[in-house]
PDB file of N, CA and C in Angstrom:
ATOM      1  N   MET A   1      -9.844   0.387  -7.450  1.00  0.00           N
ATOM      2  CA  MET A   1      -8.644  -0.224  -6.929  1.00  0.00           C
ATOM      3  C   MET A   1      -8.726  -1.722  -7.146  1.00  0.00           C
ATOM      4  N   ASP A   2      -7.699  -2.297  -7.775  1.00  0.00           N
ATOM      5  CA  ASP A   2      -7.591  -3.720  -7.974  1.00  0.00           C
ATOM      6  C   ASP A   2      -6.486  -4.219  -7.058  1.00  0.00           C
ATOM      7  N   ILE A   3      -6.901  -4.684  -5.869  1.00  0.00           N
ATOM      8  CA  ILE A   3      -5.942  -5.051  -4.837  1.00  0.00           C
ATOM      9  C   ILE A   3      -5.037  -6.251  -5.256  1.00  0.00           C
ATOM     10  N   LEU A   4      -5.493  -7.054  -6.234  1.00  0.00           N
ATOM     11  CA  LEU A   4      -4.760  -8.193  -6.671  1.00  0.00           C
ATOM     12  C   LEU A   4      -3.779  -7.883  -7.815  1.00  0.00           C
ATOM     13  N   ALA A   5      -3.924  -6.704  -8.385  1.00  0.00           N
ATOM     14  CA  ALA A   5      -3.141  -6.361  -9.571  1.00  0.00           C
ATOM     15  C   ALA A   5      -1.643  -6.125  -9.281  1.00  0.00           C
ATOM     16  N   HIS A   6      -0.848  -6.351 -10.253  1.00  0.00           N
ATOM     17  CA  HIS A   6       0.585  -6.045 -10.207  1.00  0.00           C
ATOM     18  C   HIS A   6       0.934  -5.503 -11.564  1.00  0.00           C
ATOM     19  N   LYS A   7       0.965  -4.157 -11.684  1.00  0.00           N
ATOM     20  CA  LYS A   7       1.184  -3.525 -12.939  1.00  0.00           C
ATOM     21  C   LYS A   7       2.238  -2.420 -12.815  1.00  0.00           C
ATOM     22  N   PRO A   8       3.476  -2.757 -12.561  1.00  0.00           N
ATOM     23  CA  PRO A   8       4.494  -1.704 -12.376  1.00  0.00           C
ATOM     24  C   PRO A   8       4.571  -0.716 -13.521  1.00  0.00           C
ATOM     25  N   LEU A   9       4.577   0.573 -13.223  1.00  0.00           N
ATOM     26  CA  LEU A   9       4.752   1.586 -14.209  1.00  0.00           C
ATOM     27  C   LEU A   9       6.225   1.879 -14.394  1.00  0.00           C
ATOM     28  N   SER A  10       6.618   2.078 -15.623  1.00  0.00           N
ATOM     29  CA  SER A  10       8.045   2.395 -15.897  1.00  0.00           C
ATOM     30  C   SER A  10       8.360   3.842 -15.603  1.00  0.00           C
ATOM     31  N   ASP A  11       7.362   4.715 -15.698  1.00  0.00           N
ATOM     32  CA  ASP A  11       7.611   6.121 -15.522  1.00  0.00           C
ATOM     33  C   ASP A  11       6.397   6.804 -14.986  1.00  0.00           C
ATOM     34  N   LEU A  12       6.536   7.786 -14.147  1.00  0.00           N
ATOM     35  CA  LEU A  12       5.475   8.609 -13.616  1.00  0.00           C
ATOM     36  C   LEU A  12       5.678  10.026 -14.055  1.00  0.00           C
ATOM     37  N   ASN A  13       4.582  10.749 -14.281  1.00  0.00           N
ATOM     38  CA  ASN A  13       4.690  12.148 -14.658  1.00  0.00           C
ATOM     39  C   ASN A  13       5.251  12.926 -13.441  1.00  0.00           C
ATOM     40  N   GLU A  14       5.698  14.133 -13.634  1.00  0.00           N
ATOM     41  CA  GLU A  14       6.349  14.901 -12.567  1.00  0.00           C
ATOM     42  C   GLU A  14       5.415  15.150 -11.406  1.00  0.00           C
ATOM     43  N   THR A  15       4.177  15.494 -11.682  1.00  0.00           N
ATOM     44  CA  THR A  15       3.234  15.737 -10.605  1.00  0.00           C
ATOM     45  C   THR A  15       3.024  14.487  -9.724  1.00  0.00           C
ATOM     46  N   THR A  16       2.895  13.326 -10.344  1.00  0.00           N
ATOM     47  CA  THR A  16       2.687  12.133  -9.633  1.00  0.00           C
ATOM     48  C   THR A  16       3.954  11.775  -8.856  1.00  0.00           C
ATOM     49  N   GLN A  17       5.129  11.953  -9.428  1.00  0.00           N
ATOM     50  CA  GLN A  17       6.361  11.724  -8.686  1.00  0.00           C
ATOM     51  C   GLN A  17       6.436  12.578  -7.417  1.00  0.00           C
ATOM     52  N   LEU A  18       6.054  13.871  -7.519  1.00  0.00           N
ATOM     53  CA  LEU A  18       6.086  14.736  -6.383  1.00  0.00           C
ATOM     54  C   LEU A  18       5.109  14.257  -5.325  1.00  0.00           C
ATOM     55  N   ASN A  19       3.948  13.813  -5.700  1.00  0.00           N
ATOM     56  CA  ASN A  19       2.975  13.305  -4.751  1.00  0.00           C
ATOM     57  C   ASN A  19       3.455  12.030  -4.065  1.00  0.00           C
ATOM     58  N   VAL A  20       4.071  11.159  -4.831  1.00  0.00           N
ATOM     59  CA  VAL A  20       4.616   9.902  -4.235  1.00  0.00           C
ATOM     60  C   VAL A  20       5.699  10.287  -3.233  1.00  0.00           C
ATOM     61  N   ARG A  21       6.589  11.182  -3.621  1.00  0.00           N
ATOM     62  CA  ARG A  21       7.660  11.621  -2.690  1.00  0.00           C
ATOM     63  C   ARG A  21       7.061  12.239  -1.437  1.00  0.00           C
ATOM     64  N   ARG A  22       6.028  13.046  -1.573  1.00  0.00           N
ATOM     65  CA  ARG A  22       5.362  13.709  -0.432  1.00  0.00           C
ATOM     66  C   ARG A  22       4.774  12.679   0.523  1.00  0.00           C
ATOM     67  N   VAL A  23       4.061  11.652  -0.007  1.00  0.00           N
ATOM     68  CA  VAL A  23       3.513  10.629   0.804  1.00  0.00           C
ATOM     69  C   VAL A  23       4.590   9.834   1.563  1.00  0.00           C
ATOM     70  N   ILE A  24       5.653   9.493   0.835  1.00  0.00           N
ATOM     71  CA  ILE A  24       6.734   8.722   1.435  1.00  0.00           C
ATOM     72  C   ILE A  24       7.396   9.568   2.563  1.00  0.00           C
ATOM     73  N   ALA A  25       7.602  10.841   2.305  1.00  0.00           N
ATOM     74  CA  ALA A  25       8.194  11.707   3.365  1.00  0.00           C
ATOM     75  C   ALA A  25       7.302  11.815   4.577  1.00  0.00           C
ATOM     76  N   SER A  26       6.018  11.871   4.323  1.00  0.00           N
ATOM     77  CA  SER A  26       5.028  11.957   5.430  1.00  0.00           C
ATOM     78  C   SER A  26       5.069  10.687   6.251  1.00  0.00           C
ATOM     79  N   TRP A  27       5.060   9.524   5.577  1.00  0.00           N
ATOM     80  CA  TRP A  27       5.143   8.281   6.273  1.00  0.00           C
ATOM     81  C   TRP A  27       6.437   8.143   7.098  1.00  0.00           C
ATOM     82  N   GLN A  28       7.550   8.577   6.487  1.00  0.00           N
ATOM     83  CA  GLN A  28       8.814   8.527   7.181  1.00  0.00           C
ATOM     84  C   GLN A  28       8.781   9.380   8.451  1.00  0.00           C
ATOM     85  N   ASP A  29       8.220  10.606   8.305  1.00  0.00           N
ATOM     86  CA  ASP A  29       8.136  11.493   9.471  1.00  0.00           C
ATOM     87  C   ASP A  29       7.299  10.914  10.563  1.00  0.00           C
ATOM     88  N   CYS A  30       6.101  10.431  10.230  1.00  0.00           N
ATOM     89  CA  CYS A  30       5.227   9.776  11.231  1.00  0.00           C
ATOM     90  C   CYS A  30       5.899   8.636  11.936  1.00  0.00           C
ATOM     91  N   ARG A  31       6.516   7.743  11.167  1.00  0.00           N
ATOM     92  CA  ARG A  31       7.176   6.587  11.725  1.00  0.00           C
ATOM     93  C   ARG A  31       8.317   6.981  12.632  1.00  0.00           C
ATOM     94  N   ARG A  32       9.115   7.991  12.207  1.00  0.00           N
ATOM     95  CA  ARG A  32      10.255   8.429  12.961  1.00  0.00           C
ATOM     96  C   ARG A  32       9.769   9.095  14.285  1.00  0.00           C
ATOM     97  N   ARG A  33       8.719   9.915  14.243  1.00  0.00           N
ATOM     98  CA  ARG A  33       8.262  10.673  15.396  1.00  0.00           C
ATOM     99  C   ARG A  33       7.357   9.855  16.309  1.00  0.00           C
ATOM    100  N   PHE A  34       6.496   8.988  15.724  1.00  0.00           N
ATOM    101  CA  PHE A  34       5.447   8.372  16.522  1.00  0.00           C
ATOM    102  C   PHE A  34       5.386   6.880  16.423  1.00  0.00           C
ATOM    103  N   GLY A  35       6.207   6.265  15.594  1.00  0.00           N
ATOM    104  CA  GLY A  35       6.078   4.830  15.308  1.00  0.00           C
ATOM    105  C   GLY A  35       7.130   3.910  15.920  1.00  0.00           C
ATOM    106  N   GLN A  36       7.693   4.305  17.047  1.00  0.00           N
ATOM    107  CA  GLN A  36       8.751   3.494  17.651  1.00  0.00           C
ATOM    108  C   GLN A  36       8.316   2.169  18.220  1.00  0.00           C
ATOM    109  N   THR A  37       7.061   2.064  18.635  1.00  0.00           N
ATOM    110  CA  THR A  37       6.618   0.858  19.360  1.00  0.00           C
ATOM    111  C   THR A  37       5.722  -0.030  18.504  1.00  0.00           C
ATOM    112  N   GLY A  38       5.510   0.269  17.286  1.00  0.00           N
ATOM    113  CA  GLY A  38       4.637  -0.558  16.424  1.00  0.00           C
ATOM    114  C   GLY A  38       4.952  -0.271  14.977  1.00  0.00           C
ATOM    115  N   PRO A  39       4.354  -1.082  14.074  1.00  0.00           N
ATOM    116  CA  PRO A  39       4.697  -0.950  12.659  1.00  0.00           C
ATOM    117  C   PRO A  39       3.899   0.115  11.874  1.00  0.00           C
ATOM    118  N   PHE A  40       2.946   0.766  12.561  1.00  0.00           N
ATOM    119  CA  PHE A  40       2.086   1.699  11.856  1.00  0.00           C
ATOM    120  C   PHE A  40       2.528   3.116  12.023  1.00  0.00           C
ATOM    121  N   LEU A  41       1.831   4.053  11.375  1.00  0.00           N
ATOM    122  CA  LEU A  41       2.267   5.458  11.373  1.00  0.00           C
ATOM    123  C   LEU A  41       2.405   5.999  12.761  1.00  0.00           C
ATOM    124  N   PHE A  42       1.429   5.623  13.665  1.00  0.00           N
ATOM    125  CA  PHE A  42       1.485   6.088  15.018  1.00  0.00           C
ATOM    126  C   PHE A  42       1.594   4.912  16.000  1.00  0.00           C
ATOM    127  N   SER A  43       2.404   3.951  15.626  1.00  0.00           N
ATOM    128  CA  SER A  43       2.721   2.740  16.319  1.00  0.00           C
ATOM    129  C   SER A  43       1.547   1.734  16.207  1.00  0.00           C
ATOM    130  N   ASP A  44       0.434   1.999  16.857  1.00  0.00           N
ATOM    131  CA  ASP A  44      -0.734   1.072  16.734  1.00  0.00           C
ATOM    132  C   ASP A  44      -1.591   1.509  15.500  1.00  0.00           C
ATOM    133  N   PHE A  45      -2.285   0.513  14.999  1.00  0.00           N
ATOM    134  CA  PHE A  45      -3.171   0.798  13.873  1.00  0.00           C
ATOM    135  C   PHE A  45      -4.205   1.840  14.221  1.00  0.00           C
ATOM    136  N   SER A  46      -4.372   2.812  13.328  1.00  0.00           N
ATOM    137  CA  SER A  46      -5.294   3.938  13.560  1.00  0.00           C
ATOM    138  C   SER A  46      -6.071   4.290  12.319  1.00  0.00           C
ATOM    139  N   ALA A  47      -6.901   5.245  12.414  1.00  0.00           N
ATOM    140  CA  ALA A  47      -7.654   5.768  11.243  1.00  0.00           C
ATOM    141  C   ALA A  47      -6.733   6.234  10.115  1.00  0.00           C
ATOM    142  N   ALA A  48      -5.595   6.753  10.468  1.00  0.00           N
ATOM    143  CA  ALA A  48      -4.607   7.210   9.463  1.00  0.00           C
ATOM    144  C   ALA A  48      -4.164   5.994   8.614  1.00  0.00           C
ATOM    145  N   ASP A  49      -3.958   4.845   9.263  1.00  0.00           N
ATOM    146  CA  ASP A  49      -3.558   3.681   8.528  1.00  0.00           C
ATOM    147  C   ASP A  49      -4.683   3.162   7.626  1.00  0.00           C
ATOM    148  N   ALA A  50      -5.883   3.219   8.131  1.00  0.00           N
ATOM    149  CA  ALA A  50      -7.044   2.812   7.312  1.00  0.00           C
ATOM    150  C   ALA A  50      -7.128   3.703   6.091  1.00  0.00           C
ATOM    151  N   MET A  51      -6.926   5.023   6.265  1.00  0.00           N
ATOM    152  CA  MET A  51      -6.999   5.933   5.146  1.00  0.00           C
ATOM    153  C   MET A  51      -5.886   5.677   4.125  1.00  0.00           C
ATOM    154  N   TYR A  52      -4.731   5.301   4.604  1.00  0.00           N
ATOM    155  CA  TYR A  52      -3.597   5.067   3.696  1.00  0.00           C
ATOM    156  C   TYR A  52      -3.548   3.671   3.096  1.00  0.00           C
ATOM    157  N   ALA A  53      -4.401   2.767   3.546  1.00  0.00           N
ATOM    158  CA  ALA A  53      -4.373   1.417   3.019  1.00  0.00           C
ATOM    159  C   ALA A  53      -4.568   1.375   1.484  1.00  0.00           C
ATOM    160  N   PRO A  54      -5.528   2.156   0.935  1.00  0.00           N
ATOM    161  CA  PRO A  54      -5.609   2.176  -0.545  1.00  0.00           C
ATOM    162  C   PRO A  54      -4.346   2.784  -1.249  1.00  0.00           C
ATOM    163  N   VAL A  55      -3.729   3.751  -0.579  1.00  0.00           N
ATOM    164  CA  VAL A  55      -2.489   4.307  -1.155  1.00  0.00           C
ATOM    165  C   VAL A  55      -1.420   3.237  -1.100  1.00  0.00           C
ATOM    166  N   ALA A  56      -1.275   2.494   0.008  1.00  0.00           N
ATOM    167  CA  ALA A  56      -0.272   1.436   0.064  1.00  0.00           C
ATOM    168  C   ALA A  56      -0.547   0.421  -1.031  1.00  0.00           C
ATOM    169  N   SER A  57      -1.814   0.091  -1.270  1.00  0.00           N
ATOM    170  CA  SER A  57      -2.155  -0.862  -2.315  1.00  0.00           C
ATOM    171  C   SER A  57      -1.753  -0.358  -3.686  1.00  0.00           C
ATOM    172  N   ARG A  58      -2.008   0.888  -3.961  1.00  0.00           N
ATOM    173  CA  ARG A  58      -1.634   1.479  -5.230  1.00  0.00           C
ATOM    174  C   ARG A  58      -0.133   1.537  -5.410  1.00  0.00           C
ATOM    175  N   PHE A  59       0.614   1.846  -4.385  1.00  0.00           N
ATOM    176  CA  PHE A  59       2.072   1.771  -4.474  1.00  0.00           C
ATOM    177  C   PHE A  59       2.505   0.355  -4.779  1.00  0.00           C
ATOM    178  N   ARG A  60       1.963  -0.532  -4.048  1.00  0.00           N
ATOM    179  CA  ARG A  60       2.321  -1.989  -4.278  1.00  0.00           C
ATOM    180  C   ARG A  60       1.986  -2.443  -5.720  1.00  0.00           C
ATOM    181  N   THR A  61       0.874  -1.970  -6.254  1.00  0.00           N
ATOM    182  CA  THR A  61       0.482  -2.341  -7.601  1.00  0.00           C
ATOM    183  C   THR A  61       1.350  -1.703  -8.620  1.00  0.00           C
ATOM    184  N   TYR A  62       1.510  -0.396  -8.543  1.00  0.00           N
ATOM    185  CA  TYR A  62       2.097   0.371  -9.609  1.00  0.00           C
ATOM    186  C   TYR A  62       3.545   0.805  -9.422  1.00  0.00           C
ATOM    187  N   ILE A  63       4.015   0.907  -8.153  1.00  0.00           N
ATOM    188  CA  ILE A  63       5.370   1.365  -7.870  1.00  0.00           C
ATOM    189  C   ILE A  63       6.004   0.459  -6.820  1.00  0.00           C
ATOM    190  N   PRO A  64       6.301  -0.788  -7.128  1.00  0.00           N
ATOM    191  CA  PRO A  64       6.796  -1.675  -6.170  1.00  0.00           C
ATOM    192  C   PRO A  64       8.167  -1.305  -5.579  1.00  0.00           C
ATOM    193  N   ASP A  65       8.949  -0.502  -6.341  1.00  0.00           N
ATOM    194  CA  ASP A  65      10.274  -0.077  -5.839  1.00  0.00           C
ATOM    195  C   ASP A  65      10.219   1.436  -5.570  1.00  0.00           C
ATOM    196  N   LEU A  66      10.068   1.814  -4.311  1.00  0.00           N
ATOM    197  CA  LEU A  66       9.904   3.187  -3.935  1.00  0.00           C
ATOM    198  C   LEU A  66      11.220   3.918  -3.672  1.00  0.00           C
ATOM    199  N   VAL A  67      12.334   3.214  -3.764  1.00  0.00           N
ATOM    200  CA  VAL A  67      13.628   3.781  -3.457  1.00  0.00           C
ATOM    201  C   VAL A  67      13.878   4.990  -4.370  1.00  0.00           C
ATOM    202  N   ARG A  68      13.548   4.963  -5.607  1.00  0.00           N
ATOM    203  CA  ARG A  68      13.807   6.094  -6.489  1.00  0.00           C
ATOM    204  C   ARG A  68      12.978   7.349  -6.164  1.00  0.00           C
ATOM    205  N   TYR A  69      12.033   7.143  -5.271  1.00  0.00           N
ATOM    206  CA  TYR A  69      11.193   8.285  -4.835  1.00  0.00           C
ATOM    207  C   TYR A  69      11.445   8.663  -3.422  1.00  0.00           C
ATOM    208  N   GLY A  70      12.613   8.208  -2.868  1.00  0.00           N
ATOM    209  CA  GLY A  70      13.071   8.654  -1.585  1.00  0.00           C
ATOM    210  C   GLY A  70      12.845   7.646  -0.427  1.00  0.00           C
ATOM    211  N   ASP A  71      12.364   6.470  -0.702  1.00  0.00           N
ATOM    212  CA  ASP A  71      12.126   5.527   0.359  1.00  0.00           C
ATOM    213  C   ASP A  71      13.455   4.980   0.877  1.00  0.00           C
ATOM    214  N   ASP A  72      13.615   4.966   2.176  1.00  0.00           N
ATOM    215  CA  ASP A  72      14.806   4.435   2.868  1.00  0.00           C
ATOM    216  C   ASP A  72      14.498   3.034   3.455  1.00  0.00           C
ATOM    217  N   GLY A  73      13.326   2.481   3.020  1.00  0.00           N
ATOM    218  CA  GLY A  73      12.881   1.212   3.526  1.00  0.00           C
ATOM    219  C   GLY A  73      11.691   1.345   4.451  1.00  0.00           C
ATOM    220  N   THR A  74      11.417   2.608   4.886  1.00  0.00           N
ATOM    221  CA  THR A  74      10.360   2.880   5.795  1.00  0.00           C
ATOM    222  C   THR A  74       9.008   2.637   5.095  1.00  0.00           C
ATOM    223  N   ALA A  75       8.826   3.166   3.891  1.00  0.00           N
ATOM    224  CA  ALA A  75       7.532   2.965   3.183  1.00  0.00           C
ATOM    225  C   ALA A  75       7.340   1.499   2.820  1.00  0.00           C
ATOM    226  N   LYS A  76       8.359   0.869   2.425  1.00  0.00           N
ATOM    227  CA  LYS A  76       8.261  -0.583   2.064  1.00  0.00           C
ATOM    228  C   LYS A  76       7.780  -1.377   3.318  1.00  0.00           C
ATOM    229  N   ALA A  77       8.408  -1.137   4.447  1.00  0.00           N
ATOM    230  CA  ALA A  77       7.999  -1.839   5.670  1.00  0.00           C
ATOM    231  C   ALA A  77       6.610  -1.461   6.124  1.00  0.00           C
ATOM    232  N   TYR A  78       6.251  -0.216   5.924  1.00  0.00           N
ATOM    233  CA  TYR A  78       4.895   0.210   6.283  1.00  0.00           C
ATOM    234  C   TYR A  78       3.839  -0.463   5.412  1.00  0.00           C
ATOM    235  N   ILE A  79       4.128  -0.561   4.113  1.00  0.00           N
ATOM    236  CA  ILE A  79       3.189  -1.238   3.194  1.00  0.00           C
ATOM    237  C   ILE A  79       3.072  -2.717   3.591  1.00  0.00           C
ATOM    238  N   GLU A  80       4.164  -3.351   3.916  1.00  0.00           N
ATOM    239  CA  GLU A  80       4.118  -4.737   4.373  1.00  0.00           C
ATOM    240  C   GLU A  80       3.332  -4.888   5.606  1.00  0.00           C
ATOM    241  N   ALA A  81       3.424  -3.932   6.579  1.00  0.00           N
ATOM    242  CA  ALA A  81       2.602  -4.008   7.792  1.00  0.00           C
ATOM    243  C   ALA A  81       1.137  -3.840   7.461  1.00  0.00           C
ATOM    244  N   ILE A  82       0.802  -2.927   6.575  1.00  0.00           N
ATOM    245  CA  ILE A  82      -0.653  -2.749   6.181  1.00  0.00           C
ATOM    246  C   ILE A  82      -1.163  -4.038   5.586  1.00  0.00           C
ATOM    247  N   PHE A  83      -0.355  -4.690   4.695  1.00  0.00           N
ATOM    248  CA  PHE A  83      -0.816  -5.935   4.052  1.00  0.00           C
ATOM    249  C   PHE A  83      -0.809  -7.049   4.950  1.00  0.00           C
ATOM    250  N   ALA A  84      -0.187  -6.977   6.100  1.00  0.00           N
ATOM    251  CA  ALA A  84      -0.172  -8.069   7.108  1.00  0.00           C
ATOM    252  C   ALA A  84      -1.356  -8.021   8.051  1.00  0.00           C
ATOM    253  N   THR A  85      -2.130  -6.971   8.028  1.00  0.00           N
ATOM    254  CA  THR A  85      -3.281  -6.859   8.955  1.00  0.00           C
ATOM    255  C   THR A  85      -4.347  -7.881   8.581  1.00  0.00           C
ATOM    256  N   PRO A  86      -5.045  -8.439   9.564  1.00  0.00           N
ATOM    257  CA  PRO A  86      -6.127  -9.405   9.297  1.00  0.00           C
ATOM    258  C   PRO A  86      -7.187  -8.798   8.381  1.00  0.00           C
ATOM    259  N   GLU A  87      -7.480  -7.493   8.563  1.00  0.00           N
ATOM    260  CA  GLU A  87      -8.540  -6.866   7.792  1.00  0.00           C
ATOM    261  C   GLU A  87      -8.157  -6.814   6.313  1.00  0.00           C
ATOM    262  N   LEU A  88      -6.931  -6.502   5.993  1.00  0.00           N
ATOM    263  CA  LEU A  88      -6.569  -6.506   4.605  1.00  0.00           C
ATOM    264  C   LEU A  88      -6.467  -7.898   4.046  1.00  0.00           C
ATOM    265  N   ALA A  89      -6.081  -8.861   4.890  1.00  0.00           N
ATOM    266  CA  ALA A  89      -6.064 -10.246   4.435  1.00  0.00           C
ATOM    267  C   ALA A  89      -7.478 -10.700   4.071  1.00  0.00           C
ATOM    268  N   GLN A  90      -8.455 -10.269   4.844  1.00  0.00           N
ATOM    269  CA  GLN A  90      -9.887 -10.570   4.489  1.00  0.00           C
ATOM    270  C   GLN A  90     -10.276  -9.873   3.215  1.00  0.00           C
ATOM    271  N   TRP A  91      -9.880  -8.640   3.007  1.00  0.00           N
ATOM    272  CA  TRP A  91     -10.169  -7.921   1.812  1.00  0.00           C
ATOM    273  C   TRP A  91      -9.587  -8.627   0.558  1.00  0.00           C
ATOM    274  N   ILE A  92      -8.345  -9.080   0.690  1.00  0.00           N
ATOM    275  CA  ILE A  92      -7.674  -9.764  -0.395  1.00  0.00           C
ATOM    276  C   ILE A  92      -8.369 -11.107  -0.669  1.00  0.00           C
ATOM    277  N   ALA A  93      -8.732 -11.843   0.415  1.00  0.00           N
ATOM    278  CA  ALA A  93      -9.409 -13.094   0.229  1.00  0.00           C
ATOM    279  C   ALA A  93     -10.755 -12.896  -0.487  1.00  0.00           C
ATOM    280  N   ALA A  94     -11.485 -11.837  -0.099  1.00  0.00           N
ATOM    281  CA  ALA A  94     -12.759 -11.527  -0.766  1.00  0.00           C
ATOM    282  C   ALA A  94     -12.563 -11.211  -2.235  1.00  0.00           C
ATOM    283  N   ALA A  95     -11.487 -10.489  -2.523  1.00  0.00           N
ATOM    284  CA  ALA A  95     -11.188 -10.119  -3.920  1.00  0.00           C
ATOM    285  C   ALA A  95     -10.823 -11.349  -4.713  1.00  0.00           C
ATOM    286  N   ARG A  96     -10.053 -12.285  -4.130  1.00  0.00           N
ATOM    287  CA  ARG A  96      -9.743 -13.579  -4.815  1.00  0.00           C
ATOM    288  C   ARG A  96     -11.007 -14.359  -5.082  1.00  0.00           C
ATOM    289  N   HIS A  97     -11.870 -14.412  -4.047  1.00  0.00           N
ATOM    290  CA  HIS A  97     -13.133 -15.142  -4.212  1.00  0.00           C
ATOM    291  C   HIS A  97     -14.001 -14.529  -5.313  1.00  0.00           C
ATOM    292  N   GLU A  98     -14.089 -13.235  -5.295  1.00  0.00           N
ATOM    293  CA  GLU A  98     -14.872 -12.532  -6.325  1.00  0.00           C
ATOM    294  C   GLU A  98     -14.305 -12.785  -7.700  1.00  0.00           C
ATOM    295  N   GLN A  99     -13.004 -12.784  -7.796  1.00  0.00           N
ATOM    296  CA  GLN A  99     -12.323 -13.024  -9.054  1.00  0.00           C
ATOM    297  C   GLN A  99     -12.591 -14.471  -9.561  1.00  0.00           C
ATOM    298  N   SER A 100     -12.531 -15.450  -8.652  1.00  0.00           N
ATOM    299  CA  SER A 100     -12.717 -16.807  -9.012  1.00  0.00           C
ATOM    300  C   SER A 100     -14.144 -17.082  -9.382  1.00  0.00           C
ATOM    301  N   THR A 101     -15.085 -16.518  -8.648  1.00  0.00           N
ATOM    302  CA  THR A 101     -16.482 -16.759  -8.958  1.00  0.00           C
ATOM    303  C   THR A 101     -16.898 -15.975 -10.215  1.00  0.00           C
ATOM    304  N   GLY A 102     -16.321 -14.872 -10.462  1.00  0.00           N
ATOM    305  CA  GLY A 102     -16.535 -14.101 -11.708  1.00  0.00           C
ATOM    306  C   GLY A 102     -16.013 -14.808 -12.857  1.00  0.00           C
ATOM    307  N   ALA A 103     -14.828 -15.415 -12.738  1.00  0.00           N
ATOM    308  CA  ALA A 103     -14.204 -16.146 -13.822  1.00  0.00           C
ATOM    309  C   ALA A 103     -15.054 -17.406 -14.110  1.00  0.00           C
ATOM    310  N   ALA A 104     -15.538 -18.048 -13.077  1.00  0.00           N
ATOM    311  CA  ALA A 104     -16.318 -19.263 -13.283  1.00  0.00           C
ATOM    312  C   ALA A 104     -17.686 -18.900 -13.930  1.00  0.00           C
ATOM    313  N   ALA A 105     -18.257 -17.782 -13.535  1.00  0.00           N
ATOM    314  CA  ALA A 105     -19.538 -17.398 -14.113  1.00  0.00           C
ATOM    315  C   ALA A 105     -19.370 -17.005 -15.607  1.00  0.00           C
ATOM    316  N   SER A 106     -18.237 -16.413 -15.962  1.00  0.00           N
ATOM    317  CA  SER A 106     -18.041 -15.956 -17.335  1.00  0.00           C
ATOM    318  C   SER A 106     -17.710 -17.138 -18.285  1.00  0.00           C
ATOM    319  N   THR A 107     -17.173 -18.254 -17.685  1.00  0.00           N
ATOM    320  CA  THR A 107     -16.823 -19.400 -18.512  1.00  0.00           C
ATOM    321  C   THR A 107     -17.894 -20.415 -18.519  1.00  0.00           C
ATOM    322  N   GLY A 108     -18.867 -20.321 -17.608  1.00  0.00           N
ATOM    323  CA  GLY A 108     -19.913 -21.360 -17.451  1.00  0.00           C
ATOM    324  C   GLY A 108     -21.097 -21.021 -18.250  1.00  0.00           C
TER     325      GLY A 108
END
């Protein structure tokens, strides 16, 4: 997983499209049923959100516009909430640091 990457795909195969739609539908269902008081799947951050953080990152990297896969804005907002957590901010900062020190090492 390259959390800093931005590589939108123009097309997904049928199986991948079905899986993306399934995840979005699951997120919508959890948010509708259990997420009324907070931005995460079950309102407060939980193990489910930790498990889905890499999926949110992949969606952000490869499929920034989820509308064509059934998103009504719920998945977009959920991904934004995941990326707003302090833990993910630390992960991103560490990736940026690793990238900058790796780039410096390869040019030095």
